[in-house]
Amino acid sequence: MRGDILTLKSRREQYDFSAHSGDSELKKVVKDFCRKGTERVFVMHGDKTESFAQWISEEIGVDAYAPANGELFTF
């Protein structure tokens, strides 16, 4: 608020899922992670990343993003 820069020690996790997982399997995994406290989901690969991120936001109630290549996020 005064222009100070704060260094935060946040926890990030990355999971690499098989491209052979189906829609229902991916949705189940995301639901399970979100029940355990996941606060944000970044959908990084696939044919329908935007619609999957929208489903996560609407159905699970967790912030979800499908960033464009090179897009930056600041929280």
PDB file of N, CA and C in Angstrom:
ATOM      1  N   MET A   1       0.815  -1.180   0.000  1.00  0.00           N
ATOM      2  CA  MET A   1       0.000   0.000   0.000  1.00  0.00           C
ATOM      3  C   MET A   1       0.867   1.256   0.000  1.00  0.00           C
ATOM      4  N   ARG A   2       2.049   1.152   0.589  1.00  0.00           N
ATOM      5  CA  ARG A   2       2.966   2.295   0.590  1.00  0.00           C
ATOM      6  C   ARG A   2       4.021   2.151  -0.486  1.00  0.00           C
ATOM      7  N   GLY A   3       3.850   1.173  -1.356  1.00  0.00           N
ATOM      8  CA  GLY A   3       4.846   0.936  -2.387  1.00  0.00           C
ATOM      9  C   GLY A   3       5.899  -0.074  -1.979  1.00  0.00           C
ATOM     10  N   ASP A   4       5.725  -0.706  -0.801  1.00  0.00           N
ATOM     11  CA  ASP A   4       6.676  -1.713  -0.344  1.00  0.00           C
ATOM     12  C   ASP A   4       6.543  -2.972  -1.195  1.00  0.00           C
ATOM     13  N   ILE A   5       7.650  -3.640  -1.410  1.00  0.00           N
ATOM     14  CA  ILE A   5       7.640  -4.924  -2.103  1.00  0.00           C
ATOM     15  C   ILE A   5       7.787  -6.014  -1.050  1.00  0.00           C
ATOM     16  N   LEU A   6       6.839  -6.918  -1.026  1.00  0.00           N
ATOM     17  CA  LEU A   6       6.852  -8.011  -0.060  1.00  0.00           C
ATOM     18  C   LEU A   6       7.200  -9.313  -0.754  1.00  0.00           C
ATOM     19  N   THR A   7       8.035 -10.104  -0.116  1.00  0.00           N
ATOM     20  CA  THR A   7       8.366 -11.428  -0.637  1.00  0.00           C
ATOM     21  C   THR A   7       7.525 -12.436   0.127  1.00  0.00           C
ATOM     22  N   LEU A   8       6.704 -13.159  -0.615  1.00  0.00           N
ATOM     23  CA  LEU A   8       5.829 -14.152   0.000  1.00  0.00           C
ATOM     24  C   LEU A   8       6.376 -15.543  -0.257  1.00  0.00           C
ATOM     25  N   LYS A   9       6.223 -16.405   0.704  1.00  0.00           N
ATOM     26  CA  LYS A   9       6.643 -17.790   0.545  1.00  0.00           C
ATOM     27  C   LYS A   9       5.387 -18.636   0.324  1.00  0.00           C
ATOM     28  N   SER A  10       4.931 -18.632  -0.905  1.00  0.00           N
ATOM     29  CA  SER A  10       3.727 -19.396  -1.217  1.00  0.00           C
ATOM     30  C   SER A  10       4.113 -20.794  -1.669  1.00  0.00           C
ATOM     31  N   ARG A  11       3.159 -21.691  -1.569  1.00  0.00           N
ATOM     32  CA  ARG A  11       3.388 -23.072  -1.972  1.00  0.00           C
ATOM     33  C   ARG A  11       2.734 -23.303  -3.324  1.00  0.00           C
ATOM     34  N   ARG A  12       3.477 -23.831  -4.257  1.00  0.00           N
ATOM     35  CA  ARG A  12       2.954 -24.178  -5.579  1.00  0.00           C
ATOM     36  C   ARG A  12       3.232 -25.637  -5.832  1.00  0.00           C
ATOM     37  N   GLU A  13       2.313 -26.277  -6.508  1.00  0.00           N
ATOM     38  CA  GLU A  13       2.499 -27.669  -6.883  1.00  0.00           C
ATOM     39  C   GLU A  13       2.140 -27.834  -8.347  1.00  0.00           C
ATOM     40  N   GLN A  14       2.848 -28.703  -9.028  1.00  0.00           N
ATOM     41  CA  GLN A  14       2.573 -28.973 -10.433  1.00  0.00           C
ATOM     42  C   GLN A  14       2.355 -30.464 -10.586  1.00  0.00           C
ATOM     43  N   TYR A  15       1.327 -30.825 -11.316  1.00  0.00           N
ATOM     44  CA  TYR A  15       1.014 -32.221 -11.574  1.00  0.00           C
ATOM     45  C   TYR A  15       0.934 -32.430 -13.072  1.00  0.00           C
ATOM     46  N   ASP A  16       1.559 -33.459 -13.545  1.00  0.00           N
ATOM     47  CA  ASP A  16       1.582 -33.774 -14.967  1.00  0.00           C
ATOM     48  C   ASP A  16       0.690 -34.989 -15.189  1.00  0.00           C
ATOM     49  N   PHE A  17      -0.421 -34.778 -15.870  1.00  0.00           N
ATOM     50  CA  PHE A  17      -1.372 -35.850 -16.112  1.00  0.00           C
ATOM     51  C   PHE A  17      -1.199 -36.394 -17.518  1.00  0.00           C
ATOM     52  N   SER A  18      -1.501 -37.646 -17.667  1.00  0.00           N
ATOM     53  CA  SER A  18      -1.426 -38.282 -18.977  1.00  0.00           C
ATOM     54  C   SER A  18      -2.416 -37.648 -19.946  1.00  0.00           C
ATOM     55  N   ALA A  19      -1.994 -37.495 -21.173  1.00  0.00           N
ATOM     56  CA  ALA A  19      -2.882 -36.963 -22.214  1.00  0.00           C
ATOM     57  C   ALA A  19      -3.999 -37.948 -22.529  1.00  0.00           C
ATOM     58  N   HIS A  20      -3.912 -39.152 -21.979  1.00  0.00           N
ATOM     59  CA  HIS A  20      -4.917 -40.176 -22.253  1.00  0.00           C
ATOM     60  C   HIS A  20      -6.051 -40.174 -21.231  1.00  0.00           C
ATOM     61  N   SER A  21      -5.986 -39.305 -20.240  1.00  0.00           N
ATOM     62  CA  SER A  21      -7.074 -39.205 -19.266  1.00  0.00           C
ATOM     63  C   SER A  21      -8.299 -38.613 -19.939  1.00  0.00           C
ATOM     64  N   GLY A  22      -9.447 -39.156 -19.605  1.00  0.00           N
ATOM     65  CA  GLY A  22     -10.687 -38.646 -20.162  1.00  0.00           C
ATOM     66  C   GLY A  22     -11.245 -37.497 -19.330  1.00  0.00           C
ATOM     67  N   ASP A  23     -12.280 -36.903 -19.844  1.00  0.00           N
ATOM     68  CA  ASP A  23     -12.923 -35.758 -19.198  1.00  0.00           C
ATOM     69  C   ASP A  23     -13.353 -36.084 -17.770  1.00  0.00           C
ATOM     70  N   SER A  24     -14.020 -37.198 -17.583  1.00  0.00           N
ATOM     71  CA  SER A  24     -14.529 -37.535 -16.244  1.00  0.00           C
ATOM     72  C   SER A  24     -13.393 -37.799 -15.261  1.00  0.00           C
ATOM     73  N   GLU A  25     -12.299 -38.408 -15.737  1.00  0.00           N
ATOM     74  CA  GLU A  25     -11.154 -38.662 -14.848  1.00  0.00           C
ATOM     75  C   GLU A  25     -10.482 -37.360 -14.428  1.00  0.00           C
ATOM     76  N   LEU A  26     -10.303 -36.453 -15.386  1.00  0.00           N
ATOM     77  CA  LEU A  26      -9.681 -35.165 -15.048  1.00  0.00           C
ATOM     78  C   LEU A  26     -10.550 -34.363 -14.087  1.00  0.00           C
ATOM     79  N   LYS A  27     -11.860 -34.358 -14.315  1.00  0.00           N
ATOM     80  CA  LYS A  27     -12.761 -33.634 -13.420  1.00  0.00           C
ATOM     81  C   LYS A  27     -12.721 -34.207 -12.011  1.00  0.00           C
ATOM     82  N   LYS A  28     -12.645 -35.529 -11.896  1.00  0.00           N
ATOM     83  CA  LYS A  28     -12.574 -36.161 -10.571  1.00  0.00           C
ATOM     84  C   LYS A  28     -11.290 -35.757  -9.849  1.00  0.00           C
ATOM     85  N   VAL A  29     -10.166 -35.759 -10.559  1.00  0.00           N
ATOM     86  CA  VAL A  29      -8.886 -35.379  -9.949  1.00  0.00           C
ATOM     87  C   VAL A  29      -8.936 -33.941  -9.459  1.00  0.00           C
ATOM     88  N   VAL A  30      -9.445 -33.040 -10.293  1.00  0.00           N
ATOM     89  CA  VAL A  30      -9.520 -31.631  -9.904  1.00  0.00           C
ATOM     90  C   VAL A  30     -10.447 -31.461  -8.708  1.00  0.00           C
ATOM     91  N   LYS A  31     -11.594 -32.128  -8.700  1.00  0.00           N
ATOM     92  CA  LYS A  31     -12.516 -32.042  -7.553  1.00  0.00           C
ATOM     93  C   LYS A  31     -11.824 -32.510  -6.277  1.00  0.00           C
ATOM     94  N   ASP A  32     -11.089 -33.624  -6.359  1.00  0.00           N
ATOM     95  CA  ASP A  32     -10.394 -34.159  -5.185  1.00  0.00           C
ATOM     96  C   ASP A  32      -9.360 -33.174  -4.653  1.00  0.00           C
ATOM     97  N   PHE A  33      -8.563 -32.576  -5.545  1.00  0.00           N
ATOM     98  CA  PHE A  33      -7.567 -31.597  -5.106  1.00  0.00           C
ATOM     99  C   PHE A  33      -8.243 -30.378  -4.482  1.00  0.00           C
ATOM    100  N   CYS A  34      -9.318 -29.910  -5.083  1.00  0.00           N
ATOM    101  CA  CYS A  34     -10.000 -28.722  -4.568  1.00  0.00           C
ATOM    102  C   CYS A  34     -10.625 -28.975  -3.208  1.00  0.00           C
ATOM    103  N   ARG A  35     -11.112 -30.182  -2.968  1.00  0.00           N
ATOM    104  CA  ARG A  35     -11.648 -30.532  -1.646  1.00  0.00           C
ATOM    105  C   ARG A  35     -10.564 -30.488  -0.573  1.00  0.00           C
ATOM    106  N   LYS A  36      -9.308 -30.665  -0.989  1.00  0.00           N
ATOM    107  CA  LYS A  36      -8.182 -30.671  -0.049  1.00  0.00           C
ATOM    108  C   LYS A  36      -7.564 -29.287   0.126  1.00  0.00           C
ATOM    109  N   GLY A  37      -8.184 -28.251  -0.473  1.00  0.00           N
ATOM    110  CA  GLY A  37      -7.716 -26.901  -0.205  1.00  0.00           C
ATOM    111  C   GLY A  37      -7.089 -26.152  -1.363  1.00  0.00           C
ATOM    112  N   THR A  38      -7.102 -26.714  -2.557  1.00  0.00           N
ATOM    113  CA  THR A  38      -6.551 -25.993  -3.711  1.00  0.00           C
ATOM    114  C   THR A  38      -7.316 -24.692  -3.902  1.00  0.00           C
ATOM    115  N   GLU A  39      -6.608 -23.593  -4.060  1.00  0.00           N
ATOM    116  CA  GLU A  39      -7.231 -22.277  -4.190  1.00  0.00           C
ATOM    117  C   GLU A  39      -7.299 -21.782  -5.623  1.00  0.00           C
ATOM    118  N   ARG A  40      -6.379 -22.227  -6.487  1.00  0.00           N
ATOM    119  CA  ARG A  40      -6.345 -21.793  -7.886  1.00  0.00           C
ATOM    120  C   ARG A  40      -5.903 -22.960  -8.751  1.00  0.00           C
ATOM    121  N   VAL A  41      -6.476 -23.017  -9.945  1.00  0.00           N
ATOM    122  CA  VAL A  41      -6.086 -24.056 -10.902  1.00  0.00           C
ATOM    123  C   VAL A  41      -5.728 -23.369 -12.214  1.00  0.00           C
ATOM    124  N   PHE A  42      -4.585 -23.738 -12.775  1.00  0.00           N
ATOM    125  CA  PHE A  42      -4.174 -23.266 -14.089  1.00  0.00           C
ATOM    126  C   PHE A  42      -4.259 -24.447 -15.045  1.00  0.00           C
ATOM    127  N   VAL A  43      -5.121 -24.330 -16.040  1.00  0.00           N
ATOM    128  CA  VAL A  43      -5.283 -25.383 -17.042  1.00  0.00           C
ATOM    129  C   VAL A  43      -4.315 -25.051 -18.171  1.00  0.00           C
ATOM    130  N   MET A  44      -3.304 -25.883 -18.355  1.00  0.00           N
ATOM    131  CA  MET A  44      -2.178 -25.512 -19.203  1.00  0.00           C
ATOM    132  C   MET A  44      -2.125 -26.197 -20.554  1.00  0.00           C
ATOM    133  N   HIS A  45      -2.846 -27.257 -20.765  1.00  0.00           N
ATOM    134  CA  HIS A  45      -2.679 -27.997 -22.009  1.00  0.00           C
ATOM    135  C   HIS A  45      -3.976 -28.696 -22.373  1.00  0.00           C
ATOM    136  N   GLY A  46      -4.288 -28.713 -23.632  1.00  0.00           N
ATOM    137  CA  GLY A  46      -5.463 -29.428 -24.095  1.00  0.00           C
ATOM    138  C   GLY A  46      -6.229 -28.639 -25.131  1.00  0.00           C
ATOM    139  N   ASP A  47      -7.215 -29.295 -25.697  1.00  0.00           N
ATOM    140  CA  ASP A  47      -8.012 -28.677 -26.756  1.00  0.00           C
ATOM    141  C   ASP A  47      -9.034 -27.682 -26.218  1.00  0.00           C
ATOM    142  N   LYS A  48      -9.484 -27.883 -24.990  1.00  0.00           N
ATOM    143  CA  LYS A  48     -10.577 -27.064 -24.445  1.00  0.00           C
ATOM    144  C   LYS A  48     -10.203 -26.478 -23.093  1.00  0.00           C
ATOM    145  N   THR A  49      -9.035 -25.851 -23.000  1.00  0.00           N
ATOM    146  CA  THR A  49      -8.568 -25.344 -21.710  1.00  0.00           C
ATOM    147  C   THR A  49      -9.490 -24.272 -21.140  1.00  0.00           C
ATOM    148  N   GLU A  50      -9.993 -23.380 -22.010  1.00  0.00           N
ATOM    149  CA  GLU A  50     -10.862 -22.300 -21.522  1.00  0.00           C
ATOM    150  C   GLU A  50     -12.160 -22.850 -20.947  1.00  0.00           C
ATOM    151  N   SER A  51     -12.766 -23.804 -21.629  1.00  0.00           N
ATOM    152  CA  SER A  51     -14.039 -24.354 -21.136  1.00  0.00           C
ATOM    153  C   SER A  51     -13.819 -25.200 -19.884  1.00  0.00           C
ATOM    154  N   PHE A  52     -12.674 -25.881 -19.782  1.00  0.00           N
ATOM    155  CA  PHE A  52     -12.392 -26.665 -18.575  1.00  0.00           C
ATOM    156  C   PHE A  52     -12.167 -25.732 -17.383  1.00  0.00           C
ATOM    157  N   ALA A  53     -11.446 -24.638 -17.586  1.00  0.00           N
ATOM    158  CA  ALA A  53     -11.239 -23.652 -16.517  1.00  0.00           C
ATOM    159  C   ALA A  53     -12.575 -23.046 -16.095  1.00  0.00           C
ATOM    160  N   GLN A  54     -13.443 -22.783 -17.042  1.00  0.00           N
ATOM    161  CA  GLN A  54     -14.765 -22.235 -16.725  1.00  0.00           C
ATOM    162  C   GLN A  54     -15.575 -23.249 -15.917  1.00  0.00           C
ATOM    163  N   TRP A  55     -15.514 -24.512 -16.284  1.00  0.00           N
ATOM    164  CA  TRP A  55     -16.223 -25.564 -15.541  1.00  0.00           C
ATOM    165  C   TRP A  55     -15.725 -25.600 -14.089  1.00  0.00           C
ATOM    166  N   ILE A  56     -14.419 -25.531 -13.902  1.00  0.00           N
ATOM    167  CA  ILE A  56     -13.848 -25.554 -12.549  1.00  0.00           C
ATOM    168  C   ILE A  56     -14.388 -24.385 -11.736  1.00  0.00           C
ATOM    169  N   SER A  57     -14.374 -23.200 -12.314  1.00  0.00           N
ATOM    170  CA  SER A  57     -14.864 -22.005 -11.608  1.00  0.00           C
ATOM    171  C   SER A  57     -16.334 -22.123 -11.245  1.00  0.00           C
ATOM    172  N   GLU A  58     -17.146 -22.554 -12.203  1.00  0.00           N
ATOM    173  CA  GLU A  58     -18.597 -22.598 -11.998  1.00  0.00           C
ATOM    174  C   GLU A  58     -19.052 -23.786 -11.150  1.00  0.00           C
ATOM    175  N   GLU A  59     -18.516 -24.951 -11.402  1.00  0.00           N
ATOM    176  CA  GLU A  59     -18.992 -26.161 -10.728  1.00  0.00           C
ATOM    177  C   GLU A  59     -18.338 -26.399  -9.371  1.00  0.00           C
ATOM    178  N   ILE A  60     -17.079 -26.031  -9.239  1.00  0.00           N
ATOM    179  CA  ILE A  60     -16.347 -26.303  -7.994  1.00  0.00           C
ATOM    180  C   ILE A  60     -16.208 -25.044  -7.152  1.00  0.00           C
ATOM    181  N   GLY A  61     -16.229 -23.882  -7.806  1.00  0.00           N
ATOM    182  CA  GLY A  61     -16.112 -22.634  -7.071  1.00  0.00           C
ATOM    183  C   GLY A  61     -14.686 -22.237  -6.751  1.00  0.00           C
ATOM    184  N   VAL A  62     -13.728 -22.741  -7.511  1.00  0.00           N
ATOM    185  CA  VAL A  62     -12.318 -22.422  -7.316  1.00  0.00           C
ATOM    186  C   VAL A  62     -11.862 -21.572  -8.507  1.00  0.00           C
ATOM    187  N   ASP A  63     -11.039 -20.567  -8.245  1.00  0.00           N
ATOM    188  CA  ASP A  63     -10.504 -19.736  -9.323  1.00  0.00           C
ATOM    189  C   ASP A  63      -9.715 -20.613 -10.288  1.00  0.00           C
ATOM    190  N   ALA A  64     -10.049 -20.534 -11.570  1.00  0.00           N
ATOM    191  CA  ALA A  64      -9.355 -21.335 -12.578  1.00  0.00           C
ATOM    192  C   ALA A  64      -9.035 -20.462 -13.777  1.00  0.00           C
ATOM    193  N   TYR A  65      -7.872 -20.707 -14.360  1.00  0.00           N
ATOM    194  CA  TYR A  65      -7.379 -19.901 -15.462  1.00  0.00           C
ATOM    195  C   TYR A  65      -6.845 -20.806 -16.574  1.00  0.00           C
ATOM    196  N   ALA A  66      -7.014 -20.355 -17.792  1.00  0.00           N
ATOM    197  CA  ALA A  66      -6.415 -21.006 -18.957  1.00  0.00           C
ATOM    198  C   ALA A  66      -5.523 -19.962 -19.624  1.00  0.00           C
ATOM    199  N   PRO A  67      -4.320 -19.771 -19.102  1.00  0.00           N
ATOM    200  CA  PRO A  67      -3.474 -18.678 -19.584  1.00  0.00           C
ATOM    201  C   PRO A  67      -2.973 -18.898 -21.006  1.00  0.00           C
ATOM    202  N   ALA A  68      -2.803 -17.799 -21.710  1.00  0.00           N
ATOM    203  CA  ALA A  68      -2.192 -17.835 -23.033  1.00  0.00           C
ATOM    204  C   ALA A  68      -0.686 -18.016 -22.866  1.00  0.00           C
ATOM    205  N   ASN A  69      -0.029 -18.511 -23.883  1.00  0.00           N
ATOM    206  CA  ASN A  69       1.414 -18.710 -23.831  1.00  0.00           C
ATOM    207  C   ASN A  69       2.106 -17.379 -23.511  1.00  0.00           C
ATOM    208  N   GLY A  70       2.895 -17.377 -22.437  1.00  0.00           N
ATOM    209  CA  GLY A  70       3.640 -16.188 -22.037  1.00  0.00           C
ATOM    210  C   GLY A  70       2.880 -15.223 -21.139  1.00  0.00           C
ATOM    211  N   GLU A  71       1.611 -15.514 -20.856  1.00  0.00           N
ATOM    212  CA  GLU A  71       0.814 -14.631 -20.005  1.00  0.00           C
ATOM    213  C   GLU A  71       1.334 -14.680 -18.563  1.00  0.00           C
ATOM    214  N   LEU A  72       1.403 -13.527 -17.919  1.00  0.00           N
ATOM    215  CA  LEU A  72       1.883 -13.433 -16.540  1.00  0.00           C
ATOM    216  C   LEU A  72       0.725 -13.209 -15.588  1.00  0.00           C
ATOM    217  N   PHE A  73       0.847 -13.755 -14.376  1.00  0.00           N
ATOM    218  CA  PHE A  73      -0.169 -13.567 -13.350  1.00  0.00           C
ATOM    219  C   PHE A  73       0.496 -13.033 -12.096  1.00  0.00           C
ATOM    220  N   THR A  74      -0.145 -12.080 -11.481  1.00  0.00           N
ATOM    221  CA  THR A  74       0.311 -11.536 -10.217  1.00  0.00           C
ATOM    222  C   THR A  74      -0.852 -11.612  -9.238  1.00  0.00           C
ATOM    223  N   PHE A  75      -0.593 -12.185  -8.086  1.00  0.00           N
ATOM    224  CA  PHE A  75      -1.646 -12.311  -7.063  1.00  0.00           C
ATOM    225  C   PHE A  75      -1.218 -11.606  -5.804  1.00  0.00           C
TER     226      PHE A  75
END
